[in-house]
Amino acid sequence: RDPKALPLVMLTSMGQRQKGVAWERASFAVQINKPIKPSQLYDALVSTLDRQQEPRPRIETRLDAGMAQRRPLSILVAEDNAVNQKVLLRILARMGYRADLAASGVEVLDALERQEYDLVLMDVHMPELDGIEATRRIVQRFLGRRRPRIVAMTADALEGDRDRCLAAGMDGYLSKPIYIQELMAVLEQTPGHGAVPPGAAPLDPERLAALRSGGASSRPLVEVVANFRADAPRRLRSLWGAITDGDALTLADAARRFRAMLDELGALRMSELCARLEALGGEGGTRGAAALMEELDQEYERVRAALENLDGASA
């Protein structure tokens, strides 16, 4: 690599901000005032190196404002950078989540002693106790007990971070800057209060009661059921086709459209499986989708049988 193309970082004393001709000629990427805080230096280096890399491919994903209602989770954000805290909390808030905040690994451990969380979004580089060591202690402390899912947040620029995170006991990994579709995929894959167990009723009784009541906000039950019976087989074939072709975009779109129909009917387990397929497609891949589709096909048969029982009960 051409040494002249390397980014330059200026370290200077507080109050002596170097601007003007010399600054522009040297082409410094960023200036940091002394005394230097480790977290400040880290963030400056990450942002500088990130601008030097080829951008990660991204798929535009519309933020799901109702995700927290559909998938309720208790979330702890472990992040010491004030700007990153605000950005991440705001994104989660737009999806309906009210996450708690910890600014160090020590605060994470204290928070987990006070209450139970479904998910910890763990920054790797924090003061006092970093995310790697905090995770090791959580794994030891929660041995034999339910512990939260821990997902690392760190930068692509630092090679080896991913392996260190997984070796420490983390369950996943988010690269900074964090993309919305990747965060949504993590939320979809996290078991929590709202996760529908595989043995749950195939149709939500409350949703069926609402459809039977014929409220102004919903279509009649007979119409919703007829629409499902006519359209569901085609939608299942479309999902399988996208997986066979390795077409992540089509998989995400088809799963999202099918999920809207399933939510209207109250087929909660089918809807959850479609959400996970949508998340996979949103990440740009189809690996693992075939196994989810097999579950979806099985759940479809359960829903069909439940609808036949409804017909028999109303006859």
C-alpha atoms as a PDB file:
ATOM      1  CA  ARG A   1       0.000   0.000   0.000  1.00  0.00           C
ATOM      2  CA  ASP A   2       1.238   3.510  -0.834  1.00  0.00           C
ATOM      3  CA  PRO A   3       2.470   5.135   2.430  1.00  0.00           C
ATOM      4  CA  LYS A   4       1.189   8.482   1.178  1.00  0.00           C
ATOM      5  CA  ALA A   5      -2.332   7.051   1.147  1.00  0.00           C
ATOM      6  CA  LEU A   6      -2.259   6.094   4.842  1.00  0.00           C
ATOM      7  CA  PRO A   7      -4.581   8.185   7.064  1.00  0.00           C
ATOM      8  CA  LEU A   8      -2.889  10.589   9.494  1.00  0.00           C
ATOM      9  CA  VAL A   9      -4.123  11.321  13.031  1.00  0.00           C
ATOM     10  CA  MET A  10      -2.916  14.483  14.794  1.00  0.00           C
ATOM     11  CA  LEU A  11      -2.390  14.438  18.570  1.00  0.00           C
ATOM     12  CA  THR A  12      -2.309  17.951  20.021  1.00  0.00           C
ATOM     13  CA  SER A  13      -2.675  19.760  23.336  1.00  0.00           C
ATOM     14  CA  MET A  14      -6.083  20.983  24.503  1.00  0.00           C
ATOM     15  CA  GLY A  15      -6.922  24.390  23.087  1.00  0.00           C
ATOM     16  CA  GLN A  16      -4.283  24.274  20.364  1.00  0.00           C
ATOM     17  CA  ARG A  17      -6.424  23.135  17.482  1.00  0.00           C
ATOM     18  CA  GLN A  18      -4.249  23.136  14.384  1.00  0.00           C
ATOM     19  CA  LYS A  19      -6.120  24.480  11.401  1.00  0.00           C
ATOM     20  CA  GLY A  20      -5.142  26.328   8.285  1.00  0.00           C
ATOM     21  CA  VAL A  21      -2.622  25.670   5.524  1.00  0.00           C
ATOM     22  CA  ALA A  22      -0.447  23.208   7.451  1.00  0.00           C
ATOM     23  CA  TRP A  23      -3.459  21.103   8.422  1.00  0.00           C
ATOM     24  CA  GLU A  24      -4.846  20.998   4.899  1.00  0.00           C
ATOM     25  CA  ARG A  25      -1.430  20.244   3.373  1.00  0.00           C
ATOM     26  CA  ALA A  26      -0.833  17.339   5.740  1.00  0.00           C
ATOM     27  CA  SER A  27      -4.358  15.972   5.125  1.00  0.00           C
ATOM     28  CA  PHE A  28      -4.966  14.775   8.684  1.00  0.00           C
ATOM     29  CA  ALA A  29      -8.023  12.545   8.945  1.00  0.00           C
ATOM     30  CA  VAL A  30      -8.792  13.569  12.518  1.00  0.00           C
ATOM     31  CA  GLN A  31      -7.368  15.575  15.425  1.00  0.00           C
ATOM     32  CA  ILE A  32      -7.376  14.360  19.051  1.00  0.00           C
ATOM     33  CA  ASN A  33      -6.712  16.577  22.032  1.00  0.00           C
ATOM     34  CA  LYS A  34      -4.399  15.508  24.866  1.00  0.00           C
ATOM     35  CA  PRO A  35      -4.734  13.974  27.419  1.00  0.00           C
ATOM     36  CA  ILE A  36      -5.998  11.116  25.274  1.00  0.00           C
ATOM     37  CA  LYS A  37      -8.776   8.847  26.540  1.00  0.00           C
ATOM     38  CA  PRO A  38      -8.506   5.222  25.322  1.00  0.00           C
ATOM     39  CA  SER A  39     -12.136   5.151  24.162  1.00  0.00           C
ATOM     40  CA  GLN A  40     -11.680   8.440  22.294  1.00  0.00           C
ATOM     41  CA  LEU A  41      -8.576   7.141  20.523  1.00  0.00           C
ATOM     42  CA  TYR A  42     -10.311   3.870  19.693  1.00  0.00           C
ATOM     43  CA  ASP A  43     -13.351   5.569  18.164  1.00  0.00           C
ATOM     44  CA  ALA A  44     -11.135   7.925  16.154  1.00  0.00           C
ATOM     45  CA  LEU A  45      -9.094   5.037  14.756  1.00  0.00           C
ATOM     46  CA  VAL A  46     -12.174   2.960  13.956  1.00  0.00           C
ATOM     47  CA  SER A  47     -13.910   5.802  12.126  1.00  0.00           C
ATOM     48  CA  THR A  48     -10.719   6.654  10.221  1.00  0.00           C
ATOM     49  CA  LEU A  49      -9.970   3.071   9.187  1.00  0.00           C
ATOM     50  CA  ASP A  50     -13.613   2.441   8.337  1.00  0.00           C
ATOM     51  CA  ARG A  51     -13.480   5.225   5.744  1.00  0.00           C
ATOM     52  CA  GLN A  52     -10.485   3.485   4.127  1.00  0.00           C
ATOM     53  CA  GLN A  53     -12.320   0.208   3.570  1.00  0.00           C
ATOM     54  CA  GLU A  54     -14.649  -0.872   0.828  1.00  0.00           C
ATOM     55  CA  PRO A  55     -18.198  -0.396   2.101  1.00  0.00           C
ATOM     56  CA  ARG A  56     -20.047  -3.523   3.125  1.00  0.00           C
ATOM     57  CA  PRO A  57     -22.854  -4.463   0.754  1.00  0.00           C
ATOM     58  CA  ARG A  58     -26.152  -3.468   2.278  1.00  0.00           C
ATOM     59  CA  ILE A  59     -29.757  -4.193   1.512  1.00  0.00           C
ATOM     60  CA  GLU A  60     -32.192  -1.417   2.235  1.00  0.00           C
ATOM     61  CA  THR A  61     -34.567  -2.568   4.952  1.00  0.00           C
ATOM     62  CA  ARG A  62     -37.519  -0.621   6.219  1.00  0.00           C
ATOM     63  CA  LEU A  63     -37.397  -0.229   9.970  1.00  0.00           C
ATOM     64  CA  ASP A  64     -40.137  -2.277  11.670  1.00  0.00           C
ATOM     65  CA  ALA A  65     -41.885   0.156  14.012  1.00  0.00           C
ATOM     66  CA  GLY A  66     -43.950  -2.661  15.508  1.00  0.00           C
ATOM     67  CA  MET A  67     -41.139  -5.113  16.180  1.00  0.00           C
ATOM     68  CA  ALA A  68     -41.206  -4.690  19.964  1.00  0.00           C
ATOM     69  CA  GLN A  69     -44.913  -5.494  20.037  1.00  0.00           C
ATOM     70  CA  ARG A  70     -44.444  -8.533  17.817  1.00  0.00           C
ATOM     71  CA  ARG A  71     -41.247  -9.675  19.546  1.00  0.00           C
ATOM     72  CA  PRO A  72     -40.989  -8.220  23.059  1.00  0.00           C
ATOM     73  CA  LEU A  73     -37.439  -8.326  24.424  1.00  0.00           C
ATOM     74  CA  SER A  74     -35.658  -6.833  27.413  1.00  0.00           C
ATOM     75  CA  ILE A  75     -32.428  -5.315  26.066  1.00  0.00           C
ATOM     76  CA  LEU A  76     -29.276  -3.984  27.697  1.00  0.00           C
ATOM     77  CA  VAL A  77     -26.992  -1.792  25.570  1.00  0.00           C
ATOM     78  CA  ALA A  78     -23.372  -1.866  26.748  1.00  0.00           C
ATOM     79  CA  GLU A  79     -21.596   1.067  25.109  1.00  0.00           C
ATOM     80  CA  ASP A  80     -19.350   3.790  26.552  1.00  0.00           C
ATOM     81  CA  ASN A  81     -19.378   6.226  23.624  1.00  0.00           C
ATOM     82  CA  ALA A  82     -22.089   8.858  24.169  1.00  0.00           C
ATOM     83  CA  VAL A  83     -22.825   9.339  20.459  1.00  0.00           C
ATOM     84  CA  ASN A  84     -23.092   5.602  19.807  1.00  0.00           C
ATOM     85  CA  GLN A  85     -25.358   5.275  22.860  1.00  0.00           C
ATOM     86  CA  LYS A  86     -27.793   7.868  21.542  1.00  0.00           C
ATOM     87  CA  VAL A  87     -27.853   6.456  18.013  1.00  0.00           C
ATOM     88  CA  LEU A  88     -28.453   2.863  19.102  1.00  0.00           C
ATOM     89  CA  LEU A  89     -31.048   3.734  21.743  1.00  0.00           C
ATOM     90  CA  ARG A  90     -32.904   5.880  19.227  1.00  0.00           C
ATOM     91  CA  ILE A  91     -32.969   3.106  16.602  1.00  0.00           C
ATOM     92  CA  LEU A  92     -34.289   0.654  19.186  1.00  0.00           C
ATOM     93  CA  ALA A  93     -36.860   3.205  20.369  1.00  0.00           C
ATOM     94  CA  ARG A  94     -38.160   3.606  16.819  1.00  0.00           C
ATOM     95  CA  MET A  95     -38.846  -0.138  16.856  1.00  0.00           C
ATOM     96  CA  GLY A  96     -40.681   0.206  20.165  1.00  0.00           C
ATOM     97  CA  TYR A  97     -37.920  -0.949  22.552  1.00  0.00           C
ATOM     98  CA  ARG A  98     -36.954   0.867  25.759  1.00  0.00           C
ATOM     99  CA  ALA A  99     -33.449  -0.476  26.292  1.00  0.00           C
ATOM    100  CA  ASP A 100     -31.343   0.001  29.411  1.00  0.00           C
ATOM    101  CA  LEU A 101     -27.819   1.360  29.211  1.00  0.00           C
ATOM    102  CA  ALA A 102     -24.464   0.321  30.700  1.00  0.00           C
ATOM    103  CA  ALA A 103     -21.261   2.273  30.047  1.00  0.00           C
ATOM    104  CA  SER A 104     -18.761  -0.391  31.145  1.00  0.00           C
ATOM    105  CA  GLY A 105     -18.397  -4.112  31.704  1.00  0.00           C
ATOM    106  CA  VAL A 106     -18.719  -3.544  35.451  1.00  0.00           C
ATOM    107  CA  GLU A 107     -22.089  -1.829  34.938  1.00  0.00           C
ATOM    108  CA  VAL A 108     -23.206  -4.756  32.762  1.00  0.00           C
ATOM    109  CA  LEU A 109     -22.519  -7.254  35.557  1.00  0.00           C
ATOM    110  CA  ASP A 110     -24.315  -5.047  38.081  1.00  0.00           C
ATOM    111  CA  ALA A 111     -27.331  -4.699  35.777  1.00  0.00           C
ATOM    112  CA  LEU A 112     -27.590  -8.466  35.270  1.00  0.00           C
ATOM    113  CA  GLU A 113     -27.651  -8.971  39.033  1.00  0.00           C
ATOM    114  CA  ARG A 114     -30.589  -6.557  39.335  1.00  0.00           C
ATOM    115  CA  GLN A 115     -32.782  -7.973  36.578  1.00  0.00           C
ATOM    116  CA  GLU A 116     -33.031 -10.514  33.785  1.00  0.00           C
ATOM    117  CA  TYR A 117     -32.358  -9.510  30.169  1.00  0.00           C
ATOM    118  CA  ASP A 118     -33.032 -11.347  26.929  1.00  0.00           C
ATOM    119  CA  LEU A 119     -30.261  -9.618  24.988  1.00  0.00           C
ATOM    120  CA  VAL A 120     -27.044  -7.720  25.735  1.00  0.00           C
ATOM    121  CA  LEU A 121     -25.592  -5.676  22.867  1.00  0.00           C
ATOM    122  CA  MET A 122     -21.993  -5.667  24.075  1.00  0.00           C
ATOM    123  CA  ASP A 123     -19.404  -3.160  22.887  1.00  0.00           C
ATOM    124  CA  VAL A 124     -16.050  -4.934  22.855  1.00  0.00           C
ATOM    125  CA  HIS A 125     -13.878  -1.952  23.860  1.00  0.00           C
ATOM    126  CA  MET A 126     -15.045  -0.356  27.135  1.00  0.00           C
ATOM    127  CA  PRO A 127     -13.274   1.114  30.183  1.00  0.00           C
ATOM    128  CA  GLU A 128     -12.828  -0.658  33.528  1.00  0.00           C
ATOM    129  CA  LEU A 129     -13.865  -4.030  32.134  1.00  0.00           C
ATOM    130  CA  ASP A 130     -14.044  -4.658  28.389  1.00  0.00           C
ATOM    131  CA  GLY A 131     -16.763  -6.624  26.635  1.00  0.00           C
ATOM    132  CA  ILE A 132     -14.629  -9.746  26.203  1.00  0.00           C
ATOM    133  CA  GLU A 133     -13.811 -10.104  29.901  1.00  0.00           C
ATOM    134  CA  ALA A 134     -17.337  -9.102  30.934  1.00  0.00           C
ATOM    135  CA  THR A 135     -18.713 -11.906  28.748  1.00  0.00           C
ATOM    136  CA  ARG A 136     -16.331 -14.456  30.275  1.00  0.00           C
ATOM    137  CA  ARG A 137     -17.535 -13.502  33.751  1.00  0.00           C
ATOM    138  CA  ILE A 138     -21.185 -13.666  32.692  1.00  0.00           C
ATOM    139  CA  VAL A 139     -20.694 -17.171  31.290  1.00  0.00           C
ATOM    140  CA  GLN A 140     -19.049 -18.296  34.546  1.00  0.00           C
ATOM    141  CA  ARG A 141     -21.590 -16.566  36.777  1.00  0.00           C
ATOM    142  CA  PHE A 142     -24.621 -17.872  34.916  1.00  0.00           C
ATOM    143  CA  LEU A 143     -23.394 -21.458  34.631  1.00  0.00           C
ATOM    144  CA  GLY A 144     -26.498 -23.641  34.813  1.00  0.00           C
ATOM    145  CA  ARG A 145     -28.790 -20.570  34.869  1.00  0.00           C
ATOM    146  CA  ARG A 146     -30.598 -18.729  32.119  1.00  0.00           C
ATOM    147  CA  ARG A 147     -28.256 -16.090  30.793  1.00  0.00           C
ATOM    148  CA  PRO A 148     -28.936 -13.415  28.194  1.00  0.00           C
ATOM    149  CA  ARG A 149     -27.957 -13.735  24.589  1.00  0.00           C
ATOM    150  CA  ILE A 150     -24.783 -11.661  24.124  1.00  0.00           C
ATOM    151  CA  VAL A 151     -24.032 -10.057  20.759  1.00  0.00           C
ATOM    152  CA  ALA A 152     -20.761  -8.221  20.229  1.00  0.00           C
ATOM    153  CA  MET A 153     -20.515  -4.765  18.675  1.00  0.00           C
ATOM    154  CA  THR A 154     -17.121  -3.998  17.185  1.00  0.00           C
ATOM    155  CA  ALA A 155     -15.444  -2.733  14.035  1.00  0.00           C
ATOM    156  CA  ASP A 156     -14.570  -4.593  10.850  1.00  0.00           C
ATOM    157  CA  ALA A 157     -11.201  -2.829  10.925  1.00  0.00           C
ATOM    158  CA  LEU A 158      -9.934  -4.911  13.839  1.00  0.00           C
ATOM    159  CA  GLU A 159      -9.278  -8.403  12.510  1.00  0.00           C
ATOM    160  CA  GLY A 160      -9.566 -11.203  15.025  1.00  0.00           C
ATOM    161  CA  ASP A 161     -12.229  -9.505  17.120  1.00  0.00           C
ATOM    162  CA  ARG A 162     -14.907 -11.887  15.878  1.00  0.00           C
ATOM    163  CA  ASP A 163     -12.989 -15.004  16.921  1.00  0.00           C
ATOM    164  CA  ARG A 164     -12.165 -13.491  20.320  1.00  0.00           C
ATOM    165  CA  CYS A 165     -15.827 -12.642  20.893  1.00  0.00           C
ATOM    166  CA  LEU A 166     -17.081 -16.116  20.075  1.00  0.00           C
ATOM    167  CA  ALA A 167     -14.314 -17.754  22.093  1.00  0.00           C
ATOM    168  CA  ALA A 168     -15.316 -15.678  25.125  1.00  0.00           C
ATOM    169  CA  GLY A 169     -18.864 -17.063  24.905  1.00  0.00           C
ATOM    170  CA  MET A 170     -20.701 -14.450  22.862  1.00  0.00           C
ATOM    171  CA  ASP A 171     -23.587 -15.660  20.705  1.00  0.00           C
ATOM    172  CA  GLY A 172     -23.263 -13.302  17.760  1.00  0.00           C
ATOM    173  CA  TYR A 173     -21.486 -10.381  16.220  1.00  0.00           C
ATOM    174  CA  LEU A 174     -22.473  -6.968  14.807  1.00  0.00           C
ATOM    175  CA  SER A 175     -19.970  -4.933  12.832  1.00  0.00           C
ATOM    176  CA  LYS A 176     -19.758  -1.176  13.276  1.00  0.00           C
ATOM    177  CA  PRO A 177     -21.218   0.916  11.809  1.00  0.00           C
ATOM    178  CA  ILE A 178     -24.322  -1.086  12.656  1.00  0.00           C
ATOM    179  CA  TYR A 179     -26.838  -1.482   9.849  1.00  0.00           C
ATOM    180  CA  ILE A 180     -30.526  -1.602  10.681  1.00  0.00           C
ATOM    181  CA  GLN A 181     -31.187  -4.872   8.817  1.00  0.00           C
ATOM    182  CA  GLU A 182     -28.391  -6.607  10.742  1.00  0.00           C
ATOM    183  CA  LEU A 183     -29.682  -5.342  14.078  1.00  0.00           C
ATOM    184  CA  MET A 184     -33.215  -6.445  13.175  1.00  0.00           C
ATOM    185  CA  ALA A 185     -31.876  -9.908  12.327  1.00  0.00           C
ATOM    186  CA  VAL A 186     -30.294 -10.153  15.783  1.00  0.00           C
ATOM    187  CA  LEU A 187     -33.595  -9.156  17.409  1.00  0.00           C
ATOM    188  CA  GLU A 188     -35.525 -11.708  15.332  1.00  0.00           C
ATOM    189  CA  GLN A 189     -33.156 -14.492  16.347  1.00  0.00           C
ATOM    190  CA  THR A 190     -33.239 -13.700  20.066  1.00  0.00           C
ATOM    191  CA  PRO A 191     -35.622 -15.825  22.164  1.00  0.00           C
ATOM    192  CA  GLY A 192     -37.623 -13.754  24.593  1.00  0.00           C
ATOM    193  CA  HIS A 193     -40.979 -13.187  26.207  1.00  0.00           C
ATOM    194  CA  GLY A 194     -42.633 -13.043  22.794  1.00  0.00           C
ATOM    195  CA  ALA A 195     -41.097 -16.152  21.260  1.00  0.00           C
ATOM    196  CA  VAL A 196     -43.762 -18.643  20.194  1.00  0.00           C
ATOM    197  CA  PRO A 197     -42.889 -22.187  21.324  1.00  0.00           C
ATOM    198  CA  PRO A 198     -43.120 -24.882  18.623  1.00  0.00           C
ATOM    199  CA  GLY A 199     -45.898 -26.690  20.519  1.00  0.00           C
ATOM    200  CA  ALA A 200     -48.132 -23.627  20.904  1.00  0.00           C
ATOM    201  CA  ALA A 201     -51.616 -23.514  19.348  1.00  0.00           C
ATOM    202  CA  PRO A 202     -51.304 -22.990  15.571  1.00  0.00           C
ATOM    203  CA  LEU A 203     -53.908 -20.198  15.651  1.00  0.00           C
ATOM    204  CA  ASP A 204     -54.113 -17.411  18.211  1.00  0.00           C
ATOM    205  CA  PRO A 205     -57.495 -17.697  20.023  1.00  0.00           C
ATOM    206  CA  GLU A 206     -57.632 -13.944  20.687  1.00  0.00           C
ATOM    207  CA  ARG A 207     -57.102 -13.161  17.011  1.00  0.00           C
ATOM    208  CA  LEU A 208     -59.777 -15.650  15.983  1.00  0.00           C
ATOM    209  CA  ALA A 209     -62.209 -14.088  18.462  1.00  0.00           C
ATOM    210  CA  ALA A 210     -61.502 -10.645  17.027  1.00  0.00           C
ATOM    211  CA  LEU A 211     -62.113 -11.892  13.489  1.00  0.00           C
ATOM    212  CA  ARG A 212     -65.335 -13.591  14.538  1.00  0.00           C
ATOM    213  CA  SER A 213     -66.595 -10.384  16.147  1.00  0.00           C
ATOM    214  CA  GLY A 214     -66.410  -8.692  12.743  1.00  0.00           C
ATOM    215  CA  GLY A 215     -64.970  -5.413  14.020  1.00  0.00           C
ATOM    216  CA  ALA A 216     -64.547  -2.505  11.649  1.00  0.00           C
ATOM    217  CA  SER A 217     -60.748  -2.847  11.787  1.00  0.00           C
ATOM    218  CA  SER A 218     -60.655  -6.389  10.380  1.00  0.00           C
ATOM    219  CA  ARG A 219     -62.117  -8.468   7.591  1.00  0.00           C
ATOM    220  CA  PRO A 220     -64.590 -11.272   8.354  1.00  0.00           C
ATOM    221  CA  LEU A 221     -63.059 -14.567   9.483  1.00  0.00           C
ATOM    222  CA  VAL A 222     -64.443 -16.483   6.504  1.00  0.00           C
ATOM    223  CA  GLU A 223     -62.754 -14.067   4.096  1.00  0.00           C
ATOM    224  CA  VAL A 224     -59.403 -14.199   5.870  1.00  0.00           C
ATOM    225  CA  VAL A 225     -59.481 -18.013   5.950  1.00  0.00           C
ATOM    226  CA  ALA A 226     -60.451 -18.242   2.262  1.00  0.00           C
ATOM    227  CA  ASN A 227     -57.608 -15.897   1.338  1.00  0.00           C
ATOM    228  CA  PHE A 228     -55.129 -18.004   3.310  1.00  0.00           C
ATOM    229  CA  ARG A 229     -56.266 -21.276   1.749  1.00  0.00           C
ATOM    230  CA  ALA A 230     -56.080 -19.879  -1.764  1.00  0.00           C
ATOM    231  CA  ASP A 231     -52.761 -18.063  -1.473  1.00  0.00           C
ATOM    232  CA  ALA A 232     -50.609 -19.855   1.120  1.00  0.00           C
ATOM    233  CA  PRO A 233     -49.471 -22.762  -1.141  1.00  0.00           C
ATOM    234  CA  ARG A 234     -48.242 -20.297  -3.784  1.00  0.00           C
ATOM    235  CA  ARG A 235     -46.364 -18.263  -1.189  1.00  0.00           C
ATOM    236  CA  LEU A 236     -44.687 -21.373   0.210  1.00  0.00           C
ATOM    237  CA  ARG A 237     -43.555 -22.327  -3.309  1.00  0.00           C
ATOM    238  CA  SER A 238     -42.155 -18.815  -3.812  1.00  0.00           C
ATOM    239  CA  LEU A 239     -40.110 -19.096  -0.626  1.00  0.00           C
ATOM    240  CA  TRP A 240     -38.714 -22.481  -1.612  1.00  0.00           C
ATOM    241  CA  GLY A 241     -37.881 -21.105  -5.072  1.00  0.00           C
ATOM    242  CA  ALA A 242     -35.943 -18.194  -3.604  1.00  0.00           C
ATOM    243  CA  ILE A 243     -33.962 -20.565  -1.372  1.00  0.00           C
ATOM    244  CA  THR A 244     -33.199 -22.916  -4.284  1.00  0.00           C
ATOM    245  CA  ASP A 245     -31.994 -19.963  -6.389  1.00  0.00           C
ATOM    246  CA  GLY A 246     -30.024 -18.464  -3.501  1.00  0.00           C
ATOM    247  CA  ASP A 247     -31.965 -15.223  -4.002  1.00  0.00           C
ATOM    248  CA  ALA A 248     -31.782 -13.408  -0.642  1.00  0.00           C
ATOM    249  CA  LEU A 249     -33.704 -10.320  -1.777  1.00  0.00           C
ATOM    250  CA  THR A 250     -36.651 -12.353  -3.054  1.00  0.00           C
ATOM    251  CA  LEU A 251     -36.585 -14.494   0.091  1.00  0.00           C
ATOM    252  CA  ALA A 252     -36.802 -11.440   2.354  1.00  0.00           C
ATOM    253  CA  ASP A 253     -39.574  -9.840   0.293  1.00  0.00           C
ATOM    254  CA  ALA A 254     -41.641 -13.034  -0.041  1.00  0.00           C
ATOM    255  CA  ALA A 255     -41.345 -13.786   3.687  1.00  0.00           C
ATOM    256  CA  ARG A 256     -42.379 -10.231   4.595  1.00  0.00           C
ATOM    257  CA  ARG A 257     -45.467 -10.367   2.358  1.00  0.00           C
ATOM    258  CA  PHE A 258     -46.490 -13.798   3.635  1.00  0.00           C
ATOM    259  CA  ARG A 259     -46.036 -12.669   7.235  1.00  0.00           C
ATOM    260  CA  ALA A 260     -48.645  -9.930   6.773  1.00  0.00           C
ATOM    261  CA  MET A 261     -51.230 -12.563   5.825  1.00  0.00           C
ATOM    262  CA  LEU A 262     -50.231 -14.824   8.714  1.00  0.00           C
ATOM    263  CA  ASP A 263     -50.453 -12.000  11.258  1.00  0.00           C
ATOM    264  CA  GLU A 264     -53.964 -11.211  10.049  1.00  0.00           C
ATOM    265  CA  LEU A 265     -55.032 -14.836  10.514  1.00  0.00           C
ATOM    266  CA  GLY A 266     -53.232 -15.240  13.851  1.00  0.00           C
ATOM    267  CA  ALA A 267     -50.866 -18.026  12.696  1.00  0.00           C
ATOM    268  CA  LEU A 268     -48.220 -16.898  15.168  1.00  0.00           C
ATOM    269  CA  ARG A 269     -45.661 -19.692  14.781  1.00  0.00           C
ATOM    270  CA  MET A 270     -45.784 -19.462  10.989  1.00  0.00           C
ATOM    271  CA  SER A 271     -45.388 -15.691  11.251  1.00  0.00           C
ATOM    272  CA  GLU A 272     -42.358 -16.059  13.514  1.00  0.00           C
ATOM    273  CA  LEU A 273     -40.688 -18.497  11.110  1.00  0.00           C
ATOM    274  CA  CYS A 274     -41.326 -16.096   8.230  1.00  0.00           C
ATOM    275  CA  ALA A 275     -39.790 -13.275  10.269  1.00  0.00           C
ATOM    276  CA  ARG A 276     -36.653 -15.348  10.698  1.00  0.00           C
ATOM    277  CA  LEU A 277     -36.557 -16.085   6.967  1.00  0.00           C
ATOM    278  CA  GLU A 278     -36.981 -12.378   6.274  1.00  0.00           C
ATOM    279  CA  ALA A 279     -34.095 -11.600   8.609  1.00  0.00           C
ATOM    280  CA  LEU A 280     -31.854 -14.137   6.856  1.00  0.00           C
ATOM    281  CA  GLY A 281     -32.668 -12.665   3.473  1.00  0.00           C
ATOM    282  CA  GLY A 282     -32.136  -9.173   4.848  1.00  0.00           C
ATOM    283  CA  GLU A 283     -28.612 -10.180   5.834  1.00  0.00           C
ATOM    284  CA  GLY A 284     -27.937 -11.064   2.201  1.00  0.00           C
ATOM    285  CA  GLY A 285     -27.861 -14.859   2.455  1.00  0.00           C
ATOM    286  CA  THR A 286     -30.016 -17.987   2.504  1.00  0.00           C
ATOM    287  CA  ARG A 287     -27.853 -20.296   4.625  1.00  0.00           C
ATOM    288  CA  GLY A 288     -30.061 -22.072   7.156  1.00  0.00           C
ATOM    289  CA  ALA A 289     -33.245 -21.075   5.331  1.00  0.00           C
ATOM    290  CA  ALA A 290     -34.065 -24.618   4.161  1.00  0.00           C
ATOM    291  CA  ALA A 291     -34.297 -25.873   7.748  1.00  0.00           C
ATOM    292  CA  LEU A 292     -36.635 -23.005   8.620  1.00  0.00           C
ATOM    293  CA  MET A 293     -38.753 -23.789   5.563  1.00  0.00           C
ATOM    294  CA  GLU A 294     -39.158 -27.391   6.652  1.00  0.00           C
ATOM    295  CA  GLU A 295     -40.480 -26.113   9.997  1.00  0.00           C
ATOM    296  CA  LEU A 296     -42.741 -23.695   8.136  1.00  0.00           C
ATOM    297  CA  ASP A 297     -44.182 -26.495   5.984  1.00  0.00           C
ATOM    298  CA  GLN A 298     -44.886 -28.578   9.093  1.00  0.00           C
ATOM    299  CA  GLU A 299     -46.546 -25.640  10.832  1.00  0.00           C
ATOM    300  CA  TYR A 300     -48.620 -24.967   7.710  1.00  0.00           C
ATOM    301  CA  GLU A 301     -50.095 -28.472   7.998  1.00  0.00           C
ATOM    302  CA  ARG A 302     -50.977 -27.775  11.642  1.00  0.00           C
ATOM    303  CA  VAL A 303     -52.724 -24.533  10.666  1.00  0.00           C
ATOM    304  CA  ARG A 304     -54.641 -26.285   7.878  1.00  0.00           C
ATOM    305  CA  ALA A 305     -55.818 -28.944  10.318  1.00  0.00           C
ATOM    306  CA  ALA A 306     -56.867 -26.256  12.816  1.00  0.00           C
ATOM    307  CA  LEU A 307     -58.893 -24.488  10.128  1.00  0.00           C
ATOM    308  CA  GLU A 308     -60.630 -27.760   9.228  1.00  0.00           C
ATOM    309  CA  ASN A 309     -61.565 -28.198  12.887  1.00  0.00           C
ATOM    310  CA  LEU A 310     -63.003 -24.680  12.843  1.00  0.00           C
ATOM    311  CA  ASP A 311     -65.129 -25.630   9.849  1.00  0.00           C
ATOM    312  CA  GLY A 312     -66.369 -28.733  11.615  1.00  0.00           C
ATOM    313  CA  ALA A 313     -67.199 -26.834  14.791  1.00  0.00           C
ATOM    314  CA  SER A 314     -69.227 -24.227  12.899  1.00  0.00           C
ATOM    315  CA  ALA A 315     -71.108 -26.778  10.751  1.00  0.00           C
END
